[in-house]
Amino acid sequence: MTPLSSDTNPVAEQVWIGLLRNATPARRFHLASSLSSSVIRWSRRAIQETHPTSSDDELSEEFVRLNYGPDLALAVRERLAARRRSGAP
């Protein structure tokens, strides 16, 4: 079998794949959810490091722009502006 990752030992990769195959659906969901949360956290941290003077709203908009595109980022900007105008938290 061709390795899926060029930076992982093929034996270690096969062990990992076996563990995933034998895991319960709940465990696989937990692993995927945890990985997704970590990637989002790392992405937000990187954005904050490259935009140190940006507000939380600006950082959120940039996260959405990078991950979901400019159209959704514009919608987020408008929604956050409306929330600020209404005084909502």
PDB file of N, CA and C in Angstrom:
ATOM      1  N   MET A   1       0.844  -1.183   0.000  1.00  0.00           N
ATOM      2  CA  MET A   1       0.000   0.000   0.000  1.00  0.00           C
ATOM      3  C   MET A   1       0.889   1.245   0.000  1.00  0.00           C
ATOM      4  N   THR A   2       0.548   2.217  -0.819  1.00  0.00           N
ATOM      5  CA  THR A   2       1.300   3.467  -0.888  1.00  0.00           C
ATOM      6  C   THR A   2       1.017   4.295   0.361  1.00  0.00           C
ATOM      7  N   PRO A   3       2.068   4.792   1.015  1.00  0.00           N
ATOM      8  CA  PRO A   3       1.851   5.628   2.206  1.00  0.00           C
ATOM      9  C   PRO A   3       1.017   6.861   1.869  1.00  0.00           C
ATOM     10  N   LEU A   4       0.193   7.278   2.811  1.00  0.00           N
ATOM     11  CA  LEU A   4      -0.640   8.462   2.631  1.00  0.00           C
ATOM     12  C   LEU A   4       0.116   9.741   2.965  1.00  0.00           C
ATOM     13  N   SER A   5       1.141   9.613   3.790  1.00  0.00           N
ATOM     14  CA  SER A   5       1.887  10.781   4.238  1.00  0.00           C
ATOM     15  C   SER A   5       3.377  10.577   3.991  1.00  0.00           C
ATOM     16  N   SER A   6       4.004  11.570   3.403  1.00  0.00           N
ATOM     17  CA  SER A   6       5.433  11.449   3.097  1.00  0.00           C
ATOM     18  C   SER A   6       6.316  11.645   4.322  1.00  0.00           C
ATOM     19  N   ASP A   7       5.775  12.214   5.398  1.00  0.00           N
ATOM     20  CA  ASP A   7       6.613  12.487   6.571  1.00  0.00           C
ATOM     21  C   ASP A   7       6.337  11.545   7.743  1.00  0.00           C
ATOM     22  N   THR A   8       5.632  10.457   7.487  1.00  0.00           N
ATOM     23  CA  THR A   8       5.309   9.496   8.539  1.00  0.00           C
ATOM     24  C   THR A   8       5.869   8.129   8.162  1.00  0.00           C
ATOM     25  N   ASN A   9       6.459   7.471   9.124  1.00  0.00           N
ATOM     26  CA  ASN A   9       6.970   6.124   8.911  1.00  0.00           C
ATOM     27  C   ASN A   9       5.811   5.237   8.454  1.00  0.00           C
ATOM     28  N   PRO A  10       5.978   4.468   7.373  1.00  0.00           N
ATOM     29  CA  PRO A  10       4.888   3.634   6.863  1.00  0.00           C
ATOM     30  C   PRO A  10       4.325   2.652   7.895  1.00  0.00           C
ATOM     31  N   VAL A  11       5.176   2.107   8.753  1.00  0.00           N
ATOM     32  CA  VAL A  11       4.694   1.178   9.784  1.00  0.00           C
ATOM     33  C   VAL A  11       3.808   1.927  10.777  1.00  0.00           C
ATOM     34  N   ALA A  12       4.263   3.096  11.198  1.00  0.00           N
ATOM     35  CA  ALA A  12       3.465   3.899  12.133  1.00  0.00           C
ATOM     36  C   ALA A  12       2.136   4.292  11.500  1.00  0.00           C
ATOM     37  N   GLU A  13       2.165   4.626  10.222  1.00  0.00           N
ATOM     38  CA  GLU A  13       0.937   4.988   9.524  1.00  0.00           C
ATOM     39  C   GLU A  13      -0.048   3.824   9.504  1.00  0.00           C
ATOM     40  N   GLN A  14       0.440   2.617   9.232  1.00  0.00           N
ATOM     41  CA  GLN A  14      -0.435   1.448   9.206  1.00  0.00           C
ATOM     42  C   GLN A  14      -1.027   1.159  10.582  1.00  0.00           C
ATOM     43  N   VAL A  15      -0.231   1.342  11.627  1.00  0.00           N
ATOM     44  CA  VAL A  15      -0.747   1.167  12.993  1.00  0.00           C
ATOM     45  C   VAL A  15      -1.864   2.169  13.243  1.00  0.00           C
ATOM     46  N   TRP A  16      -1.636   3.440  12.866  1.00  0.00           N
ATOM     47  CA  TRP A  16      -2.633   4.495  13.078  1.00  0.00           C
ATOM     48  C   TRP A  16      -3.920   4.185  12.309  1.00  0.00           C
ATOM     49  N   ILE A  17      -3.785   3.760  11.057  1.00  0.00           N
ATOM     50  CA  ILE A  17      -4.963   3.421  10.255  1.00  0.00           C
ATOM     51  C   ILE A  17      -5.725   2.264  10.893  1.00  0.00           C
ATOM     52  N   GLY A  18      -5.004   1.273  11.396  1.00  0.00           N
ATOM     53  CA  GLY A  18      -5.657   0.157  12.082  1.00  0.00           C
ATOM     54  C   GLY A  18      -6.414   0.612  13.314  1.00  0.00           C
ATOM     55  N   LEU A  19      -5.815   1.505  14.084  1.00  0.00           N
ATOM     56  CA  LEU A  19      -6.497   2.037  15.271  1.00  0.00           C
ATOM     57  C   LEU A  19      -7.769   2.788  14.881  1.00  0.00           C
ATOM     58  N   LEU A  20      -7.691   3.576  13.812  1.00  0.00           N
ATOM     59  CA  LEU A  20      -8.880   4.306  13.359  1.00  0.00           C
ATOM     60  C   LEU A  20      -9.967   3.352  12.875  1.00  0.00           C
ATOM     61  N   ARG A  21      -9.571   2.312  12.152  1.00  0.00           N
ATOM     62  CA  ARG A  21     -10.559   1.354  11.649  1.00  0.00           C
ATOM     63  C   ARG A  21     -11.265   0.620  12.784  1.00  0.00           C
ATOM     64  N   ASN A  22     -10.541   0.370  13.859  1.00  0.00           N
ATOM     65  CA  ASN A  22     -11.118  -0.371  14.979  1.00  0.00           C
ATOM     66  C   ASN A  22     -11.829   0.518  15.992  1.00  0.00           C
ATOM     67  N   ALA A  23     -11.707   1.821  15.842  1.00  0.00           N
ATOM     68  CA  ALA A  23     -12.337   2.742  16.790  1.00  0.00           C
ATOM     69  C   ALA A  23     -13.846   2.768  16.575  1.00  0.00           C
ATOM     70  N   THR A  24     -14.551   3.037  17.641  1.00  0.00           N
ATOM     71  CA  THR A  24     -16.004   3.177  17.535  1.00  0.00           C
ATOM     72  C   THR A  24     -16.325   4.458  16.765  1.00  0.00           C
ATOM     73  N   PRO A  25     -17.528   4.543  16.210  1.00  0.00           N
ATOM     74  CA  PRO A  25     -17.913   5.792  15.544  1.00  0.00           C
ATOM     75  C   PRO A  25     -17.810   7.003  16.480  1.00  0.00           C
ATOM     76  N   ALA A  26     -18.170   6.818  17.731  1.00  0.00           N
ATOM     77  CA  ALA A  26     -18.083   7.929  18.687  1.00  0.00           C
ATOM     78  C   ALA A  26     -16.638   8.379  18.867  1.00  0.00           C
ATOM     79  N   ARG A  27     -15.716   7.429  18.930  1.00  0.00           N
ATOM     80  CA  ARG A  27     -14.300   7.770  19.088  1.00  0.00           C
ATOM     81  C   ARG A  27     -13.769   8.467  17.835  1.00  0.00           C
ATOM     82  N   ARG A  28     -14.148   7.973  16.657  1.00  0.00           N
ATOM     83  CA  ARG A  28     -13.706   8.620  15.419  1.00  0.00           C
ATOM     84  C   ARG A  28     -14.260  10.037  15.322  1.00  0.00           C
ATOM     85  N   PHE A  29     -15.508  10.217  15.728  1.00  0.00           N
ATOM     86  CA  PHE A  29     -16.095  11.560  15.727  1.00  0.00           C
ATOM     87  C   PHE A  29     -15.340  12.469  16.687  1.00  0.00           C
ATOM     88  N   HIS A  30     -15.041  11.966  17.874  1.00  0.00           N
ATOM     89  CA  HIS A  30     -14.293  12.758  18.855  1.00  0.00           C
ATOM     90  C   HIS A  30     -12.932  13.168  18.293  1.00  0.00           C
ATOM     91  N   LEU A  31     -12.221  12.247  17.662  1.00  0.00           N
ATOM     92  CA  LEU A  31     -10.912  12.557  17.082  1.00  0.00           C
ATOM     93  C   LEU A  31     -11.030  13.616  15.987  1.00  0.00           C
ATOM     94  N   ALA A  32     -12.013  13.466  15.113  1.00  0.00           N
ATOM     95  CA  ALA A  32     -12.199  14.438  14.030  1.00  0.00           C
ATOM     96  C   ALA A  32     -12.573  15.805  14.587  1.00  0.00           C
ATOM     97  N   SER A  33     -13.450  15.824  15.568  1.00  0.00           N
ATOM     98  CA  SER A  33     -13.866  17.082  16.186  1.00  0.00           C
ATOM     99  C   SER A  33     -12.697  17.769  16.879  1.00  0.00           C
ATOM    100  N   SER A  34     -11.903  16.992  17.584  1.00  0.00           N
ATOM    101  CA  SER A  34     -10.741  17.536  18.274  1.00  0.00           C
ATOM    102  C   SER A  34      -9.730  18.107  17.281  1.00  0.00           C
ATOM    103  N   LEU A  35      -9.481  17.385  16.202  1.00  0.00           N
ATOM    104  CA  LEU A  35      -8.550  17.864  15.183  1.00  0.00           C
ATOM    105  C   LEU A  35      -9.073  19.149  14.547  1.00  0.00           C
ATOM    106  N   SER A  36     -10.356  19.176  14.239  1.00  0.00           N
ATOM    107  CA  SER A  36     -10.955  20.364  13.638  1.00  0.00           C
ATOM    108  C   SER A  36     -10.826  21.570  14.571  1.00  0.00           C
ATOM    109  N   SER A  37     -11.113  21.375  15.843  1.00  0.00           N
ATOM    110  CA  SER A  37     -10.987  22.463  16.823  1.00  0.00           C
ATOM    111  C   SER A  37      -9.552  22.965  16.908  1.00  0.00           C
ATOM    112  N   SER A  38      -8.609  22.049  16.883  1.00  0.00           N
ATOM    113  CA  SER A  38      -7.196  22.440  16.948  1.00  0.00           C
ATOM    114  C   SER A  38      -6.795  23.254  15.725  1.00  0.00           C
ATOM    115  N   VAL A  39      -7.208  22.815  14.551  1.00  0.00           N
ATOM    116  CA  VAL A  39      -6.853  23.524  13.319  1.00  0.00           C
ATOM    117  C   VAL A  39      -7.460  24.928  13.318  1.00  0.00           C
ATOM    118  N   ILE A  40      -8.697  25.054  13.760  1.00  0.00           N
ATOM    119  CA  ILE A  40      -9.335  26.373  13.841  1.00  0.00           C
ATOM    120  C   ILE A  40      -8.575  27.265  14.816  1.00  0.00           C
ATOM    121  N   ARG A  41      -8.217  26.734  15.957  1.00  0.00           N
ATOM    122  CA  ARG A  41      -7.479  27.506  16.968  1.00  0.00           C
ATOM    123  C   ARG A  41      -6.124  27.958  16.415  1.00  0.00           C
ATOM    124  N   TRP A  42      -5.400  27.052  15.752  1.00  0.00           N
ATOM    125  CA  TRP A  42      -4.090  27.406  15.173  1.00  0.00           C
ATOM    126  C   TRP A  42      -4.243  28.447  14.075  1.00  0.00           C
ATOM    127  N   SER A  43      -5.278  28.310  13.267  1.00  0.00           N
ATOM    128  CA  SER A  43      -5.520  29.266  12.191  1.00  0.00           C
ATOM    129  C   SER A  43      -5.810  30.651  12.761  1.00  0.00           C
ATOM    130  N   ARG A  44      -6.671  30.710  13.764  1.00  0.00           N
ATOM    131  CA  ARG A  44      -6.993  32.005  14.382  1.00  0.00           C
ATOM    132  C   ARG A  44      -5.755  32.627  15.024  1.00  0.00           C
ATOM    133  N   ARG A  45      -4.942  31.800  15.657  1.00  0.00           N
ATOM    134  CA  ARG A  45      -3.713  32.306  16.282  1.00  0.00           C
ATOM    135  C   ARG A  45      -2.772  32.878  15.220  1.00  0.00           C
ATOM    136  N   ALA A  46      -2.622  32.189  14.098  1.00  0.00           N
ATOM    137  CA  ALA A  46      -1.755  32.677  13.018  1.00  0.00           C
ATOM    138  C   ALA A  46      -2.274  33.997  12.456  1.00  0.00           C
ATOM    139  N   ILE A  47      -3.582  34.110  12.301  1.00  0.00           N
ATOM    140  CA  ILE A  47      -4.168  35.360  11.810  1.00  0.00           C
ATOM    141  C   ILE A  47      -3.897  36.488  12.802  1.00  0.00           C
ATOM    142  N   GLN A  48      -4.065  36.194  14.082  1.00  0.00           N
ATOM    143  CA  GLN A  48      -3.821  37.211  15.102  1.00  0.00           C
ATOM    144  C   GLN A  48      -2.353  37.648  15.097  1.00  0.00           C
ATOM    145  N   GLU A  49      -1.446  36.713  14.904  1.00  0.00           N
ATOM    146  CA  GLU A  49      -0.019  37.048  14.879  1.00  0.00           C
ATOM    147  C   GLU A  49       0.346  37.902  13.667  1.00  0.00           C
ATOM    148  N   THR A  50      -0.340  37.696  12.550  1.00  0.00           N
ATOM    149  CA  THR A  50      -0.038  38.481  11.351  1.00  0.00           C
ATOM    150  C   THR A  50      -0.832  39.783  11.286  1.00  0.00           C
ATOM    151  N   HIS A  51      -1.829  39.928  12.156  1.00  0.00           N
ATOM    152  CA  HIS A  51      -2.642  41.151  12.223  1.00  0.00           C
ATOM    153  C   HIS A  51      -2.765  41.581  13.692  1.00  0.00           C
ATOM    154  N   PRO A  52      -1.651  41.937  14.331  1.00  0.00           N
ATOM    155  CA  PRO A  52      -1.667  42.181  15.781  1.00  0.00           C
ATOM    156  C   PRO A  52      -2.505  43.374  16.226  1.00  0.00           C
ATOM    157  N   THR A  53      -2.801  44.305  15.336  1.00  0.00           N
ATOM    158  CA  THR A  53      -3.582  45.481  15.742  1.00  0.00           C
ATOM    159  C   THR A  53      -5.059  45.357  15.385  1.00  0.00           C
ATOM    160  N   SER A  54      -5.458  44.238  14.802  1.00  0.00           N
ATOM    161  CA  SER A  54      -6.852  44.051  14.394  1.00  0.00           C
ATOM    162  C   SER A  54      -7.740  43.747  15.587  1.00  0.00           C
ATOM    163  N   SER A  55      -8.988  44.187  15.479  1.00  0.00           N
ATOM    164  CA  SER A  55      -9.980  43.891  16.518  1.00  0.00           C
ATOM    165  C   SER A  55     -10.423  42.431  16.403  1.00  0.00           C
ATOM    166  N   ASP A  56     -11.142  41.965  17.415  1.00  0.00           N
ATOM    167  CA  ASP A  56     -11.669  40.595  17.371  1.00  0.00           C
ATOM    168  C   ASP A  56     -12.586  40.406  16.164  1.00  0.00           C
ATOM    169  N   ASP A  57     -13.417  41.415  15.883  1.00  0.00           N
ATOM    170  CA  ASP A  57     -14.314  41.316  14.731  1.00  0.00           C
ATOM    171  C   ASP A  57     -13.527  41.239  13.427  1.00  0.00           C
ATOM    172  N   GLU A  58     -12.473  42.037  13.304  1.00  0.00           N
ATOM    173  CA  GLU A  58     -11.652  42.000  12.093  1.00  0.00           C
ATOM    174  C   GLU A  58     -10.950  40.653  11.941  1.00  0.00           C
ATOM    175  N   LEU A  59     -10.495  40.099  13.056  1.00  0.00           N
ATOM    176  CA  LEU A  59      -9.853  38.784  13.016  1.00  0.00           C
ATOM    177  C   LEU A  59     -10.852  37.709  12.596  1.00  0.00           C
ATOM    178  N   SER A  60     -12.074  37.795  13.114  1.00  0.00           N
ATOM    179  CA  SER A  60     -13.108  36.827  12.732  1.00  0.00           C
ATOM    180  C   SER A  60     -13.427  36.933  11.248  1.00  0.00           C
ATOM    181  N   GLU A  61     -13.524  38.163  10.765  1.00  0.00           N
ATOM    182  CA  GLU A  61     -13.803  38.364   9.344  1.00  0.00           C
ATOM    183  C   GLU A  61     -12.680  37.788   8.477  1.00  0.00           C
ATOM    184  N   GLU A  62     -11.436  38.000   8.883  1.00  0.00           N
ATOM    185  CA  GLU A  62     -10.299  37.477   8.122  1.00  0.00           C
ATOM    186  C   GLU A  62     -10.293  35.946   8.134  1.00  0.00           C
ATOM    187  N   PHE A  63     -10.621  35.354   9.275  1.00  0.00           N
ATOM    188  CA  PHE A  63     -10.709  33.894   9.357  1.00  0.00           C
ATOM    189  C   PHE A  63     -11.739  33.373   8.352  1.00  0.00           C
ATOM    190  N   VAL A  64     -12.898  34.001   8.333  1.00  0.00           N
ATOM    191  CA  VAL A  64     -13.953  33.569   7.413  1.00  0.00           C
ATOM    192  C   VAL A  64     -13.515  33.782   5.966  1.00  0.00           C
ATOM    193  N   ARG A  65     -12.887  34.918   5.671  1.00  0.00           N
ATOM    194  CA  ARG A  65     -12.436  35.189   4.302  1.00  0.00           C
ATOM    195  C   ARG A  65     -11.448  34.123   3.822  1.00  0.00           C
ATOM    196  N   LEU A  66     -10.494  33.784   4.667  1.00  0.00           N
ATOM    197  CA  LEU A  66      -9.475  32.806   4.280  1.00  0.00           C
ATOM    198  C   LEU A  66     -10.037  31.394   4.126  1.00  0.00           C
ATOM    199  N   ASN A  67     -11.012  31.050   4.957  1.00  0.00           N
ATOM    200  CA  ASN A  67     -11.504  29.671   4.975  1.00  0.00           C
ATOM    201  C   ASN A  67     -12.782  29.441   4.184  1.00  0.00           C
ATOM    202  N   TYR A  68     -13.585  30.503   4.001  1.00  0.00           N
ATOM    203  CA  TYR A  68     -14.886  30.317   3.360  1.00  0.00           C
ATOM    204  C   TYR A  68     -15.138  31.264   2.187  1.00  0.00           C
ATOM    205  N   GLY A  69     -14.241  32.236   1.995  1.00  0.00           N
ATOM    206  CA  GLY A  69     -14.354  33.118   0.841  1.00  0.00           C
ATOM    207  C   GLY A  69     -14.829  34.520   1.167  1.00  0.00           C
ATOM    208  N   PRO A  70     -14.633  35.431   0.193  1.00  0.00           N
ATOM    209  CA  PRO A  70     -14.944  36.841   0.423  1.00  0.00           C
ATOM    210  C   PRO A  70     -16.432  37.143   0.555  1.00  0.00           C
ATOM    211  N   ASP A  71     -17.286  36.382  -0.112  1.00  0.00           N
ATOM    212  CA  ASP A  71     -18.724  36.658  -0.014  1.00  0.00           C
ATOM    213  C   ASP A  71     -19.234  36.436   1.404  1.00  0.00           C
ATOM    214  N   LEU A  72     -18.853  35.320   1.997  1.00  0.00           N
ATOM    215  CA  LEU A  72     -19.286  35.056   3.365  1.00  0.00           C
ATOM    216  C   LEU A  72     -18.619  36.027   4.337  1.00  0.00           C
ATOM    217  N   ALA A  73     -17.365  36.400   4.068  1.00  0.00           N
ATOM    218  CA  ALA A  73     -16.678  37.366   4.933  1.00  0.00           C
ATOM    219  C   ALA A  73     -17.414  38.701   4.935  1.00  0.00           C
ATOM    220  N   LEU A  74     -17.897  39.119   3.781  1.00  0.00           N
ATOM    221  CA  LEU A  74     -18.667  40.362   3.706  1.00  0.00           C
ATOM    222  C   LEU A  74     -19.950  40.244   4.522  1.00  0.00           C
ATOM    223  N   ALA A  75     -20.614  39.108   4.433  1.00  0.00           N
ATOM    224  CA  ALA A  75     -21.831  38.891   5.221  1.00  0.00           C
ATOM    225  C   ALA A  75     -21.522  38.929   6.714  1.00  0.00           C
ATOM    226  N   VAL A  76     -20.396  38.356   7.111  1.00  0.00           N
ATOM    227  CA  VAL A  76     -19.991  38.388   8.519  1.00  0.00           C
ATOM    228  C   VAL A  76     -19.735  39.824   8.948  1.00  0.00           C
ATOM    229  N   ARG A  77     -19.021  40.587   8.112  1.00  0.00           N
ATOM    230  CA  ARG A  77     -18.747  41.990   8.437  1.00  0.00           C
ATOM    231  C   ARG A  77     -20.049  42.759   8.650  1.00  0.00           C
ATOM    232  N   GLU A  78     -20.999  42.571   7.747  1.00  0.00           N
ATOM    233  CA  GLU A  78     -22.281  43.275   7.853  1.00  0.00           C
ATOM    234  C   GLU A  78     -23.038  42.853   9.104  1.00  0.00           C
ATOM    235  N   ARG A  79     -23.016  41.574   9.396  1.00  0.00           N
ATOM    236  CA  ARG A  79     -23.717  41.072  10.586  1.00  0.00           C
ATOM    237  C   ARG A  79     -23.092  41.617  11.868  1.00  0.00           C
ATOM    238  N   LEU A  80     -21.760  41.632  11.929  1.00  0.00           N
ATOM    239  CA  LEU A  80     -21.080  42.157  13.112  1.00  0.00           C
ATOM    240  C   LEU A  80     -21.332  43.652  13.269  1.00  0.00           C
ATOM    241  N   ALA A  81     -21.352  44.390  12.157  1.00  0.00           N
ATOM    242  CA  ALA A  81     -21.638  45.830  12.215  1.00  0.00           C
ATOM    243  C   ALA A  81     -23.058  46.069  12.710  1.00  0.00           C
ATOM    244  N   ALA A  82     -24.010  45.283  12.235  1.00  0.00           N
ATOM    245  CA  ALA A  82     -25.399  45.421  12.688  1.00  0.00           C
ATOM    246  C   ALA A  82     -25.509  45.110  14.173  1.00  0.00           C
ATOM    247  N   ARG A  83     -24.778  44.111  14.622  1.00  0.00           N
ATOM    248  CA  ARG A  83     -24.796  43.753  16.041  1.00  0.00           C
ATOM    249  C   ARG A  83     -24.237  44.904  16.887  1.00  0.00           C
ATOM    250  N   ARG A  84     -23.147  45.509  16.427  1.00  0.00           N
ATOM    251  CA  ARG A  84     -22.569  46.643  17.164  1.00  0.00           C
ATOM    252  C   ARG A  84     -23.553  47.808  17.219  1.00  0.00           C
ATOM    253  N   ARG A  85     -24.219  48.095  16.099  1.00  0.00           N
ATOM    254  CA  ARG A  85     -25.186  49.201  16.060  1.00  0.00           C
ATOM    255  C   ARG A  85     -26.351  48.963  17.009  1.00  0.00           C
ATOM    256  N   SER A  86     -26.766  47.716  17.148  1.00  0.00           N
ATOM    257  CA  SER A  86     -27.913  47.410  18.011  1.00  0.00           C
ATOM    258  C   SER A  86     -27.531  47.342  19.480  1.00  0.00           C
ATOM    259  N   GLY A  87     -26.218  47.322  19.741  1.00  0.00           N
ATOM    260  CA  GLY A  87     -25.757  47.234  21.126  1.00  0.00           C
ATOM    261  C   GLY A  87     -25.739  45.823  21.672  1.00  0.00           C
ATOM    262  N   ALA A  88     -25.976  44.838  20.807  1.00  0.00           N
ATOM    263  CA  ALA A  88     -25.955  43.435  21.253  1.00  0.00           C
ATOM    264  C   ALA A  88     -24.514  43.013  21.523  1.00  0.00           C
ATOM    265  N   PRO A  89     -24.331  42.085  22.471  1.00  0.00           N
ATOM    266  CA  PRO A  89     -22.968  41.618  22.782  1.00  0.00           C
ATOM    267  C   PRO A  89     -22.353  40.801  21.667  1.00  0.00           C
TER     268      PRO A  89
END
